[in-house]
């Protein structure tokens, strides 16, 4: 419980420095929360679109609790069972429809326009999540996530040309 409270404090105060900024400028603050899908079912190695395991299902519920106090404006997911299932509980709780994004065209001009000044959850994969962060910040800084990492949360805050990235682990 202490970890969840600490996480909520971090998530809601990642832009504490914005208190001294005019309201006109604060509307340009964009926050992206990027996570990898929860644990997927690996029982059939030939299944390219598996669902979540029981543990993954509970992790997806946990993500909904993590984002419970965050005023999300949008939720994006790739079009795979595991990512959609991971986003489902948060989407349901927030009453926000999941928008499908193409990982081959992430952080497009249209995406940037549609998310500017908003708080957005993005659910992806071990390779697309750090790649998406790299696209947002405009540099190749983050590598693919280890295959067993389903608990990392990348928080990317944009204010004008300035990008801030925090990586949290939520167990």
C-alpha atoms as a PDB file:
ATOM      1  CA  UNK A   1       0.000   0.000   0.000  1.00  0.00           C
ATOM      2  CA  UNK A   2       2.869   2.361   0.795  1.00  0.00           C
ATOM      3  CA  UNK A   3       4.269   1.739  -2.695  1.00  0.00           C
ATOM      4  CA  UNK A   4       0.967   2.610  -4.337  1.00  0.00           C
ATOM      5  CA  UNK A   5       0.699   5.805  -2.294  1.00  0.00           C
ATOM      6  CA  UNK A   6       4.302   6.691  -3.157  1.00  0.00           C
ATOM      7  CA  UNK A   7       3.619   5.994  -6.826  1.00  0.00           C
ATOM      8  CA  UNK A   8       0.528   8.188  -6.797  1.00  0.00           C
ATOM      9  CA  UNK A   9       2.511  11.003  -5.209  1.00  0.00           C
ATOM     10  CA  UNK A  10       5.180  10.651  -7.906  1.00  0.00           C
ATOM     11  CA  UNK A  11       2.627  10.410 -10.721  1.00  0.00           C
ATOM     12  CA  UNK A  12       0.626  13.411  -9.583  1.00  0.00           C
ATOM     13  CA  UNK A  13       3.651  15.524  -8.708  1.00  0.00           C
ATOM     14  CA  UNK A  14       5.944  14.788 -11.636  1.00  0.00           C
ATOM     15  CA  UNK A  15       5.340  18.332 -12.683  1.00  0.00           C
ATOM     16  CA  UNK A  16       5.571  20.079  -9.353  1.00  0.00           C
ATOM     17  CA  UNK A  17       7.741  22.696 -10.992  1.00  0.00           C
ATOM     18  CA  UNK A  18       4.771  23.781 -13.108  1.00  0.00           C
ATOM     19  CA  UNK A  19       3.256  25.754 -10.226  1.00  0.00           C
ATOM     20  CA  UNK A  20       5.217  28.832 -11.271  1.00  0.00           C
ATOM     21  CA  UNK A  21       4.193  28.586 -14.904  1.00  0.00           C
ATOM     22  CA  UNK A  22       1.303  30.542 -16.378  1.00  0.00           C
ATOM     23  CA  UNK A  23      -1.931  28.682 -17.112  1.00  0.00           C
ATOM     24  CA  UNK A  24      -1.394  29.261 -20.818  1.00  0.00           C
ATOM     25  CA  UNK A  25       1.864  27.301 -20.686  1.00  0.00           C
ATOM     26  CA  UNK A  26       0.556  24.493 -18.473  1.00  0.00           C
ATOM     27  CA  UNK A  27      -1.969  23.502 -21.116  1.00  0.00           C
ATOM     28  CA  UNK A  28       1.028  22.422 -23.182  1.00  0.00           C
ATOM     29  CA  UNK A  29       2.210  19.901 -20.593  1.00  0.00           C
ATOM     30  CA  UNK A  30       1.775  16.392 -21.971  1.00  0.00           C
ATOM     31  CA  UNK A  31       2.305  13.291 -19.869  1.00  0.00           C
ATOM     32  CA  UNK A  32       2.641   9.824 -21.331  1.00  0.00           C
ATOM     33  CA  UNK A  33       2.454   6.719 -19.141  1.00  0.00           C
ATOM     34  CA  UNK A  34       3.909   3.789 -21.065  1.00  0.00           C
ATOM     35  CA  UNK A  35       3.678   0.186 -19.907  1.00  0.00           C
ATOM     36  CA  UNK A  36       4.260  -3.215 -21.407  1.00  0.00           C
ATOM     37  CA  UNK A  37       1.395  -5.693 -21.442  1.00  0.00           C
ATOM     38  CA  UNK A  38       0.963  -7.925 -18.405  1.00  0.00           C
ATOM     39  CA  UNK A  39       2.142 -11.549 -18.336  1.00  0.00           C
ATOM     40  CA  UNK A  40       1.009 -13.432 -21.422  1.00  0.00           C
ATOM     41  CA  UNK A  41       0.071 -17.083 -21.827  1.00  0.00           C
ATOM     42  CA  UNK A  42       3.115 -18.919 -23.205  1.00  0.00           C
ATOM     43  CA  UNK A  43       1.648 -22.432 -23.237  1.00  0.00           C
ATOM     44  CA  UNK A  44       1.344 -22.475 -27.037  1.00  0.00           C
ATOM     45  CA  UNK A  45       4.534 -21.064 -28.597  1.00  0.00           C
ATOM     46  CA  UNK A  46       2.899 -20.912 -32.036  1.00  0.00           C
ATOM     47  CA  UNK A  47       0.114 -18.603 -30.783  1.00  0.00           C
ATOM     48  CA  UNK A  48       1.071 -15.117 -32.015  1.00  0.00           C
ATOM     49  CA  UNK A  49      -1.809 -13.444 -30.185  1.00  0.00           C
ATOM     50  CA  UNK A  50      -2.079 -14.991 -26.709  1.00  0.00           C
ATOM     51  CA  UNK A  51      -4.228 -13.730 -23.879  1.00  0.00           C
ATOM     52  CA  UNK A  52      -3.007 -12.977 -20.367  1.00  0.00           C
ATOM     53  CA  UNK A  53      -2.233 -15.570 -17.732  1.00  0.00           C
ATOM     54  CA  UNK A  54      -4.006 -15.477 -14.399  1.00  0.00           C
ATOM     55  CA  UNK A  55      -1.047 -13.522 -12.995  1.00  0.00           C
ATOM     56  CA  UNK A  56      -1.259 -11.161 -15.956  1.00  0.00           C
ATOM     57  CA  UNK A  57      -4.965 -10.621 -15.389  1.00  0.00           C
ATOM     58  CA  UNK A  58      -4.282  -9.615 -11.776  1.00  0.00           C
ATOM     59  CA  UNK A  59      -1.445  -7.340 -12.885  1.00  0.00           C
ATOM     60  CA  UNK A  60      -3.846  -5.633 -15.323  1.00  0.00           C
ATOM     61  CA  UNK A  61      -6.227  -5.061 -12.416  1.00  0.00           C
ATOM     62  CA  UNK A  62      -3.271  -3.673 -10.464  1.00  0.00           C
ATOM     63  CA  UNK A  63      -2.486  -1.202 -13.255  1.00  0.00           C
ATOM     64  CA  UNK A  64      -6.079   0.034 -13.004  1.00  0.00           C
ATOM     65  CA  UNK A  65      -5.491   0.710  -9.311  1.00  0.00           C
ATOM     66  CA  UNK A  66      -2.223   2.495 -10.067  1.00  0.00           C
ATOM     67  CA  UNK A  67      -3.938   4.754 -12.590  1.00  0.00           C
ATOM     68  CA  UNK A  68      -7.064   5.149 -10.450  1.00  0.00           C
ATOM     69  CA  UNK A  69      -6.050   8.592  -9.192  1.00  0.00           C
ATOM     70  CA  UNK A  70      -4.550   9.781 -12.482  1.00  0.00           C
ATOM     71  CA  UNK A  71      -6.849  11.922 -14.626  1.00  0.00           C
ATOM     72  CA  UNK A  72      -6.194  10.143 -17.900  1.00  0.00           C
ATOM     73  CA  UNK A  73      -7.521  11.695 -21.078  1.00  0.00           C
ATOM     74  CA  UNK A  74      -6.809   8.805 -23.448  1.00  0.00           C
ATOM     75  CA  UNK A  75      -5.710   5.177 -23.535  1.00  0.00           C
ATOM     76  CA  UNK A  76      -3.814   3.701 -26.482  1.00  0.00           C
ATOM     77  CA  UNK A  77      -2.969   0.047 -27.122  1.00  0.00           C
ATOM     78  CA  UNK A  78      -1.645  -2.098 -29.900  1.00  0.00           C
ATOM     79  CA  UNK A  79      -4.231  -4.437 -31.405  1.00  0.00           C
ATOM     80  CA  UNK A  80      -3.219  -7.614 -29.559  1.00  0.00           C
ATOM     81  CA  UNK A  81      -5.174  -9.602 -26.980  1.00  0.00           C
ATOM     82  CA  UNK A  82      -2.507  -9.165 -24.291  1.00  0.00           C
ATOM     83  CA  UNK A  83      -2.240  -5.376 -24.656  1.00  0.00           C
ATOM     84  CA  UNK A  84      -5.982  -4.839 -24.939  1.00  0.00           C
ATOM     85  CA  UNK A  85      -6.582  -7.050 -21.889  1.00  0.00           C
ATOM     86  CA  UNK A  86      -3.937  -5.094 -19.958  1.00  0.00           C
ATOM     87  CA  UNK A  87      -5.627  -1.790 -20.815  1.00  0.00           C
ATOM     88  CA  UNK A  88      -9.181  -3.074 -20.290  1.00  0.00           C
ATOM     89  CA  UNK A  89      -9.568  -2.564 -16.515  1.00  0.00           C
ATOM     90  CA  UNK A  90      -8.180   0.964 -16.625  1.00  0.00           C
ATOM     91  CA  UNK A  91     -10.341   1.746 -19.650  1.00  0.00           C
ATOM     92  CA  UNK A  92     -13.437   0.371 -17.952  1.00  0.00           C
ATOM     93  CA  UNK A  93     -12.739   2.179 -14.675  1.00  0.00           C
ATOM     94  CA  UNK A  94     -12.064   5.505 -16.411  1.00  0.00           C
ATOM     95  CA  UNK A  95     -14.819   5.050 -18.999  1.00  0.00           C
ATOM     96  CA  UNK A  96     -12.287   5.833 -21.733  1.00  0.00           C
ATOM     97  CA  UNK A  97     -12.401   3.928 -24.988  1.00  0.00           C
ATOM     98  CA  UNK A  98      -9.152   2.245 -25.993  1.00  0.00           C
ATOM     99  CA  UNK A  99      -7.651   3.694 -29.166  1.00  0.00           C
ATOM    100  CA  UNK A 100      -5.618   1.279 -31.284  1.00  0.00           C
ATOM    101  CA  UNK A 101      -2.227   2.506 -32.463  1.00  0.00           C
ATOM    102  CA  UNK A 102       0.082   1.017 -35.063  1.00  0.00           C
ATOM    103  CA  UNK A 103       3.519   0.315 -33.546  1.00  0.00           C
ATOM    104  CA  UNK A 104       5.016   0.811 -37.019  1.00  0.00           C
ATOM    105  CA  UNK A 105       3.748   4.413 -36.978  1.00  0.00           C
ATOM    106  CA  UNK A 106       4.078   5.437 -33.350  1.00  0.00           C
ATOM    107  CA  UNK A 107       4.318   9.075 -32.319  1.00  0.00           C
ATOM    108  CA  UNK A 108       3.031  10.300 -35.653  1.00  0.00           C
ATOM    109  CA  UNK A 109       2.088  13.938 -36.184  1.00  0.00           C
ATOM    110  CA  UNK A 110      -1.571  12.994 -35.807  1.00  0.00           C
ATOM    111  CA  UNK A 111      -0.857  11.199 -32.503  1.00  0.00           C
ATOM    112  CA  UNK A 112       1.096  14.213 -31.230  1.00  0.00           C
ATOM    113  CA  UNK A 113      -1.718  16.577 -32.191  1.00  0.00           C
ATOM    114  CA  UNK A 114      -4.372  14.362 -30.579  1.00  0.00           C
ATOM    115  CA  UNK A 115      -2.468  13.965 -27.302  1.00  0.00           C
ATOM    116  CA  UNK A 116      -0.891  17.420 -26.848  1.00  0.00           C
ATOM    117  CA  UNK A 117      -1.591  18.770 -23.373  1.00  0.00           C
ATOM    118  CA  UNK A 118      -3.130  15.492 -22.181  1.00  0.00           C
ATOM    119  CA  UNK A 119      -2.372  12.577 -19.862  1.00  0.00           C
ATOM    120  CA  UNK A 120      -2.177   9.407 -21.912  1.00  0.00           C
ATOM    121  CA  UNK A 121      -1.704   5.729 -21.085  1.00  0.00           C
ATOM    122  CA  UNK A 122       0.038   3.704 -23.804  1.00  0.00           C
ATOM    123  CA  UNK A 123       0.162  -0.100 -23.597  1.00  0.00           C
ATOM    124  CA  UNK A 124       2.713  -1.846 -25.776  1.00  0.00           C
ATOM    125  CA  UNK A 125       5.338  -4.574 -25.852  1.00  0.00           C
ATOM    126  CA  UNK A 126       8.900  -5.217 -24.672  1.00  0.00           C
ATOM    127  CA  UNK A 127      10.269  -3.657 -27.853  1.00  0.00           C
ATOM    128  CA  UNK A 128       7.632  -1.030 -28.669  1.00  0.00           C
ATOM    129  CA  UNK A 129       7.374   0.561 -25.219  1.00  0.00           C
ATOM    130  CA  UNK A 130      11.007   1.762 -24.996  1.00  0.00           C
ATOM    131  CA  UNK A 131      10.982   2.516 -28.752  1.00  0.00           C
ATOM    132  CA  UNK A 132       7.932   4.745 -28.214  1.00  0.00           C
ATOM    133  CA  UNK A 133       9.735   6.567 -25.395  1.00  0.00           C
ATOM    134  CA  UNK A 134      12.728   7.053 -27.716  1.00  0.00           C
ATOM    135  CA  UNK A 135      10.454   8.525 -30.413  1.00  0.00           C
ATOM    136  CA  UNK A 136       8.888  10.926 -27.925  1.00  0.00           C
ATOM    137  CA  UNK A 137      12.216  12.197 -26.579  1.00  0.00           C
ATOM    138  CA  UNK A 138      13.906  12.183 -29.986  1.00  0.00           C
ATOM    139  CA  UNK A 139      16.878  10.011 -29.078  1.00  0.00           C
ATOM    140  CA  UNK A 140      17.795   6.322 -28.944  1.00  0.00           C
ATOM    141  CA  UNK A 141      18.235   6.050 -25.184  1.00  0.00           C
ATOM    142  CA  UNK A 142      16.163   3.057 -24.054  1.00  0.00           C
ATOM    143  CA  UNK A 143      16.691  -0.557 -25.126  1.00  0.00           C
ATOM    144  CA  UNK A 144      14.127  -3.351 -25.406  1.00  0.00           C
ATOM    145  CA  UNK A 145      12.765  -4.474 -22.059  1.00  0.00           C
ATOM    146  CA  UNK A 146      13.731  -7.891 -20.681  1.00  0.00           C
ATOM    147  CA  UNK A 147      11.130 -10.507 -21.592  1.00  0.00           C
ATOM    148  CA  UNK A 148      10.126 -10.949 -17.938  1.00  0.00           C
ATOM    149  CA  UNK A 149       9.611  -7.204 -17.301  1.00  0.00           C
ATOM    150  CA  UNK A 150       5.896  -6.560 -16.989  1.00  0.00           C
ATOM    151  CA  UNK A 151       6.197  -4.063 -14.148  1.00  0.00           C
ATOM    152  CA  UNK A 152       8.054  -1.064 -15.565  1.00  0.00           C
ATOM    153  CA  UNK A 153       6.260   2.222 -15.981  1.00  0.00           C
ATOM    154  CA  UNK A 154       7.824   4.917 -18.141  1.00  0.00           C
ATOM    155  CA  UNK A 155       6.508   8.385 -17.325  1.00  0.00           C
ATOM    156  CA  UNK A 156       7.402  10.883 -20.041  1.00  0.00           C
ATOM    157  CA  UNK A 157       6.537  14.515 -19.398  1.00  0.00           C
ATOM    158  CA  UNK A 158       6.789  17.062 -22.189  1.00  0.00           C
ATOM    159  CA  UNK A 159       6.755  20.787 -21.644  1.00  0.00           C
ATOM    160  CA  UNK A 160       7.586  22.643 -24.799  1.00  0.00           C
ATOM    161  CA  UNK A 161      10.866  21.226 -26.071  1.00  0.00           C
ATOM    162  CA  UNK A 162      11.811  19.768 -22.670  1.00  0.00           C
ATOM    163  CA  UNK A 163      11.276  16.069 -22.001  1.00  0.00           C
ATOM    164  CA  UNK A 164      11.595  14.369 -18.631  1.00  0.00           C
ATOM    165  CA  UNK A 165      11.580  10.567 -18.306  1.00  0.00           C
ATOM    166  CA  UNK A 166      11.097   8.600 -15.103  1.00  0.00           C
ATOM    167  CA  UNK A 167      11.105   4.804 -14.978  1.00  0.00           C
ATOM    168  CA  UNK A 168       9.261   3.238 -12.075  1.00  0.00           C
ATOM    169  CA  UNK A 169       8.855  -0.404 -11.115  1.00  0.00           C
ATOM    170  CA  UNK A 170       5.391  -1.416  -9.913  1.00  0.00           C
ATOM    171  CA  UNK A 171       5.256  -4.906  -8.406  1.00  0.00           C
END
